[in-house]
Every structure is written in structure tokens, then in C-alpha cells.
Amino acid sequence: MTKSNSQVWVHAVWSTKNRMRLIDSSFEMQLYKFISKQFYELGCIPKIVNGAQDHIHCLFLMNKTKSIADTIKHVKGSSSFFINQSNFIGDYFIWQRGYAAFAVSERDLNKIYNYIKNQKDHHRLVCDK
């Protein structure tokens, strides 16, 4: 029997509904930890989860038995449920429909990791222009 090998790194991004700035610093680390845990439970290995007030970036190693669509659907659904159950925003939270997902080569992992790690600085610079 031939064994399959797969190592696909994915950079995924999705935003809050209408790009509303709802992800507050008071709970963002709890949210990022929760999202990381969801990836682990799906057999995906998260390298980093970070973002800004209106969107999330994730870099993770795909589980070879799952699709990107099913993985992101689960993580978005469970994380919006987590936000609502925790009453972090005092209103109903929902993610915007859709997402972006990009395959990342091994040689670009550190570059993408640092890009995600520095999201707040990146958006501060972009917004200040």
C-alpha cells in the first residue's frame, strides 16, 4: 500500500461582517487561542493567528483529509459562536461571508509569519497614510 504525504501551508484571511471593527484588544487573545484550538481539533497545525479589529489572518498546516472550505467554515462558525456565547461585544457577532486562502511555500513561511505577526503595525502604517 502506498502512503500519501501532504504538506500544504495555508494563509487564510476573513473579516467581520461589513468590516466592522469589533475585535477588541480586551478579548482578541482569547479569540486567537480559541481559533488555534479549533485548527488543532481539525488536525491542522496553526503556526500563527493574529489580525486587526476587522479581520483575522491564520497560517496553518492543512490536514490532508480535510478541504480548505470545510476547515475555514468550521473555524469561522465555531469562533463566531464562541464570541457570541462569551458576550464579548454585547451584540450579535457574525463573520463576513467568504474568505481568502493562499498556499504558502516553505521558503516563504517566515515572511508570511512575520507579516501576520505584525498586523497591527502594518494597519497602523497603512491607515496613517
C-alpha atoms as a PDB file:
ATOM      1  CA  MET A   1       0.000   0.000   0.000  1.00  0.00           C
ATOM      2  CA  THR A   2       1.321   3.428  -0.940  1.00  0.00           C
ATOM      3  CA  LYS A   3       1.330   6.055   1.752  1.00  0.00           C
ATOM      4  CA  SER A   4       0.283   9.621   0.859  1.00  0.00           C
ATOM      5  CA  ASN A   5       2.270  12.607   2.003  1.00  0.00           C
ATOM      6  CA  SER A   6       0.967  16.147   2.036  1.00  0.00           C
ATOM      7  CA  GLN A   7       2.351  19.335   3.490  1.00  0.00           C
ATOM      8  CA  VAL A   8       0.309  22.348   2.446  1.00  0.00           C
ATOM      9  CA  TRP A   9       0.678  25.578   4.403  1.00  0.00           C
ATOM     10  CA  VAL A  10      -2.276  27.952   4.087  1.00  0.00           C
ATOM     11  CA  HIS A  11      -2.539  31.676   4.786  1.00  0.00           C
ATOM     12  CA  ALA A  12      -6.253  32.368   5.324  1.00  0.00           C
ATOM     13  CA  VAL A  13      -7.947  35.712   5.903  1.00  0.00           C
ATOM     14  CA  TRP A  14     -11.542  36.582   6.710  1.00  0.00           C
ATOM     15  CA  SER A  15     -13.284  39.666   8.028  1.00  0.00           C
ATOM     16  CA  THR A  16     -16.049  40.733  10.335  1.00  0.00           C
ATOM     17  CA  LYS A  17     -19.442  41.451   8.783  1.00  0.00           C
ATOM     18  CA  ASN A  18     -19.233  44.749   6.871  1.00  0.00           C
ATOM     19  CA  ARG A  19     -15.628  45.093   8.078  1.00  0.00           C
ATOM     20  CA  MET A  20     -16.909  46.453  11.379  1.00  0.00           C
ATOM     21  CA  ARG A  21     -14.130  46.998  13.918  1.00  0.00           C
ATOM     22  CA  LEU A  22     -15.432  44.532  16.502  1.00  0.00           C
ATOM     23  CA  ILE A  23     -12.370  42.542  17.553  1.00  0.00           C
ATOM     24  CA  ASP A  24     -11.289  44.434  20.632  1.00  0.00           C
ATOM     25  CA  SER A  25      -7.977  44.090  22.455  1.00  0.00           C
ATOM     26  CA  SER A  26      -9.906  43.070  25.590  1.00  0.00           C
ATOM     27  CA  PHE A  27     -10.700  39.639  24.094  1.00  0.00           C
ATOM     28  CA  GLU A  28      -8.609  39.220  20.939  1.00  0.00           C
ATOM     29  CA  MET A  29      -6.012  36.919  22.550  1.00  0.00           C
ATOM     30  CA  GLN A  30      -8.776  34.646  23.842  1.00  0.00           C
ATOM     31  CA  LEU A  31     -10.231  34.569  20.326  1.00  0.00           C
ATOM     32  CA  TYR A  32      -6.872  33.778  18.691  1.00  0.00           C
ATOM     33  CA  LYS A  33      -6.253  30.960  21.187  1.00  0.00           C
ATOM     34  CA  PHE A  34      -9.728  29.591  20.555  1.00  0.00           C
ATOM     35  CA  ILE A  35      -9.180  29.661  16.778  1.00  0.00           C
ATOM     36  CA  SER A  36      -5.812  27.909  17.183  1.00  0.00           C
ATOM     37  CA  LYS A  37      -7.503  25.226  19.268  1.00  0.00           C
ATOM     38  CA  GLN A  38     -10.121  24.731  16.553  1.00  0.00           C
ATOM     39  CA  PHE A  39      -7.397  24.177  13.954  1.00  0.00           C
ATOM     40  CA  TYR A  40      -5.733  21.595  16.224  1.00  0.00           C
ATOM     41  CA  GLU A  41      -9.044  19.785  16.723  1.00  0.00           C
ATOM     42  CA  LEU A  42      -9.404  19.545  12.924  1.00  0.00           C
ATOM     43  CA  GLY A  43      -5.938  18.040  12.617  1.00  0.00           C
ATOM     44  CA  CYS A  44      -4.439  21.243  11.228  1.00  0.00           C
ATOM     45  CA  ILE A  45      -1.345  22.742  12.824  1.00  0.00           C
ATOM     46  CA  PRO A  46      -1.632  26.507  13.390  1.00  0.00           C
ATOM     47  CA  LYS A  47       1.617  28.462  13.185  1.00  0.00           C
ATOM     48  CA  ILE A  48       0.080  31.872  13.990  1.00  0.00           C
ATOM     49  CA  VAL A  49      -3.320  33.552  14.335  1.00  0.00           C
ATOM     50  CA  ASN A  50      -3.462  37.340  14.520  1.00  0.00           C
ATOM     51  CA  GLY A  51      -5.308  40.231  12.973  1.00  0.00           C
ATOM     52  CA  ALA A  52      -6.825  43.642  13.309  1.00  0.00           C
ATOM     53  CA  GLN A  53     -10.145  44.889  14.646  1.00  0.00           C
ATOM     54  CA  ASP A  54     -11.981  43.915  11.461  1.00  0.00           C
ATOM     55  CA  HIS A  55     -10.246  40.773  10.183  1.00  0.00           C
ATOM     56  CA  ILE A  56      -8.240  37.659  11.054  1.00  0.00           C
ATOM     57  CA  HIS A  57      -5.117  36.128   9.485  1.00  0.00           C
ATOM     58  CA  CYS A  58      -4.200  32.483  10.077  1.00  0.00           C
ATOM     59  CA  LEU A  59      -1.197  30.487   8.942  1.00  0.00           C
ATOM     60  CA  PHE A  60      -1.696  26.762   9.352  1.00  0.00           C
ATOM     61  CA  LEU A  61      -0.686  23.372   8.006  1.00  0.00           C
ATOM     62  CA  MET A  62      -3.644  21.674   6.345  1.00  0.00           C
ATOM     63  CA  ASN A  63      -4.910  18.271   7.372  1.00  0.00           C
ATOM     64  CA  LYS A  64      -4.616  16.143   4.223  1.00  0.00           C
ATOM     65  CA  THR A  65      -8.079  14.649   4.776  1.00  0.00           C
ATOM     66  CA  LYS A  66      -9.933  17.978   5.001  1.00  0.00           C
ATOM     67  CA  SER A  67     -10.765  20.651   2.455  1.00  0.00           C
ATOM     68  CA  ILE A  68      -9.860  24.290   2.970  1.00  0.00           C
ATOM     69  CA  ALA A  69     -13.528  25.229   2.614  1.00  0.00           C
ATOM     70  CA  ASP A  70     -14.684  22.817   5.330  1.00  0.00           C
ATOM     71  CA  THR A  71     -11.826  23.828   7.624  1.00  0.00           C
ATOM     72  CA  ILE A  72     -12.495  27.560   7.344  1.00  0.00           C
ATOM     73  CA  LYS A  73     -16.269  27.052   7.608  1.00  0.00           C
ATOM     74  CA  HIS A  74     -15.796  25.163  10.883  1.00  0.00           C
ATOM     75  CA  VAL A  75     -13.327  27.664  12.353  1.00  0.00           C
ATOM     76  CA  LYS A  76     -15.445  30.681  11.399  1.00  0.00           C
ATOM     77  CA  GLY A  77     -18.640  29.083  12.703  1.00  0.00           C
ATOM     78  CA  SER A  78     -17.205  27.905  15.996  1.00  0.00           C
ATOM     79  CA  SER A  79     -15.382  31.190  16.624  1.00  0.00           C
ATOM     80  CA  SER A  80     -18.462  33.337  15.990  1.00  0.00           C
ATOM     81  CA  PHE A  81     -20.379  31.048  18.362  1.00  0.00           C
ATOM     82  CA  PHE A  82     -17.565  31.482  20.922  1.00  0.00           C
ATOM     83  CA  ILE A  83     -17.717  35.297  20.615  1.00  0.00           C
ATOM     84  CA  ASN A  84     -21.497  35.322  20.987  1.00  0.00           C
ATOM     85  CA  GLN A  85     -21.556  32.875  23.910  1.00  0.00           C
ATOM     86  CA  SER A  86     -18.871  34.896  25.678  1.00  0.00           C
ATOM     87  CA  ASN A  87     -20.822  38.123  25.047  1.00  0.00           C
ATOM     88  CA  PHE A  88     -17.598  39.940  24.155  1.00  0.00           C
ATOM     89  CA  ILE A  89     -19.264  42.627  22.044  1.00  0.00           C
ATOM     90  CA  GLY A  90     -22.706  42.942  23.640  1.00  0.00           C
ATOM     91  CA  ASP A  91     -24.376  42.389  20.267  1.00  0.00           C
ATOM     92  CA  TYR A  92     -24.728  39.564  17.763  1.00  0.00           C
ATOM     93  CA  PHE A  93     -21.409  38.788  16.056  1.00  0.00           C
ATOM     94  CA  ILE A  94     -21.033  37.316  12.595  1.00  0.00           C
ATOM     95  CA  TRP A  95     -18.157  36.957  10.155  1.00  0.00           C
ATOM     96  CA  GLN A  96     -18.471  38.260   6.603  1.00  0.00           C
ATOM     97  CA  ARG A  97     -19.250  35.580   4.024  1.00  0.00           C
ATOM     98  CA  GLY A  98     -16.257  34.111   2.265  1.00  0.00           C
ATOM     99  CA  TYR A  99     -12.536  34.122   2.915  1.00  0.00           C
ATOM    100  CA  ALA A 100      -9.225  34.276   1.094  1.00  0.00           C
ATOM    101  CA  ALA A 101      -6.789  31.357   1.222  1.00  0.00           C
ATOM    102  CA  PHE A 102      -3.325  31.161  -0.272  1.00  0.00           C
ATOM    103  CA  ALA A 103      -0.853  28.287  -0.405  1.00  0.00           C
ATOM    104  CA  VAL A 104       2.466  29.266   1.159  1.00  0.00           C
ATOM    105  CA  SER A 105       5.791  27.736   0.123  1.00  0.00           C
ATOM    106  CA  GLU A 106       8.222  26.532   2.775  1.00  0.00           C
ATOM    107  CA  ARG A 107      10.691  29.270   1.805  1.00  0.00           C
ATOM    108  CA  ASP A 108       8.056  31.983   2.399  1.00  0.00           C
ATOM    109  CA  LEU A 109       6.811  30.715   5.784  1.00  0.00           C
ATOM    110  CA  ASN A 110       8.884  33.138   7.873  1.00  0.00           C
ATOM    111  CA  LYS A 111       7.938  36.090   5.668  1.00  0.00           C
ATOM    112  CA  ILE A 112       4.207  35.323   5.954  1.00  0.00           C
ATOM    113  CA  TYR A 113       4.539  34.538   9.669  1.00  0.00           C
ATOM    114  CA  ASN A 114       6.124  37.954  10.289  1.00  0.00           C
ATOM    115  CA  TYR A 115       3.530  39.690   8.110  1.00  0.00           C
ATOM    116  CA  ILE A 116       0.743  38.147  10.230  1.00  0.00           C
ATOM    117  CA  LYS A 117       2.607  38.782  13.488  1.00  0.00           C
ATOM    118  CA  ASN A 118       2.930  42.493  12.645  1.00  0.00           C
ATOM    119  CA  GLN A 119      -0.668  43.085  11.531  1.00  0.00           C
ATOM    120  CA  LYS A 120      -1.351  45.927  13.936  1.00  0.00           C
ATOM    121  CA  ASP A 121       1.789  47.800  12.878  1.00  0.00           C
ATOM    122  CA  HIS A 122       1.013  47.114   9.225  1.00  0.00           C
ATOM    123  CA  HIS A 123      -2.512  48.511   9.512  1.00  0.00           C
ATOM    124  CA  ARG A 124      -1.382  51.453  11.617  1.00  0.00           C
ATOM    125  CA  LEU A 125       1.068  52.408   8.841  1.00  0.00           C
ATOM    126  CA  VAL A 126      -1.483  51.872   6.063  1.00  0.00           C
ATOM    127  CA  CYS A 127      -4.210  53.833   7.869  1.00  0.00           C
ATOM    128  CA  ASP A 128      -1.869  56.707   8.692  1.00  0.00           C
ATOM    129  CA  LYS A 129      -1.075  57.318   5.013  1.00  0.00           C
END
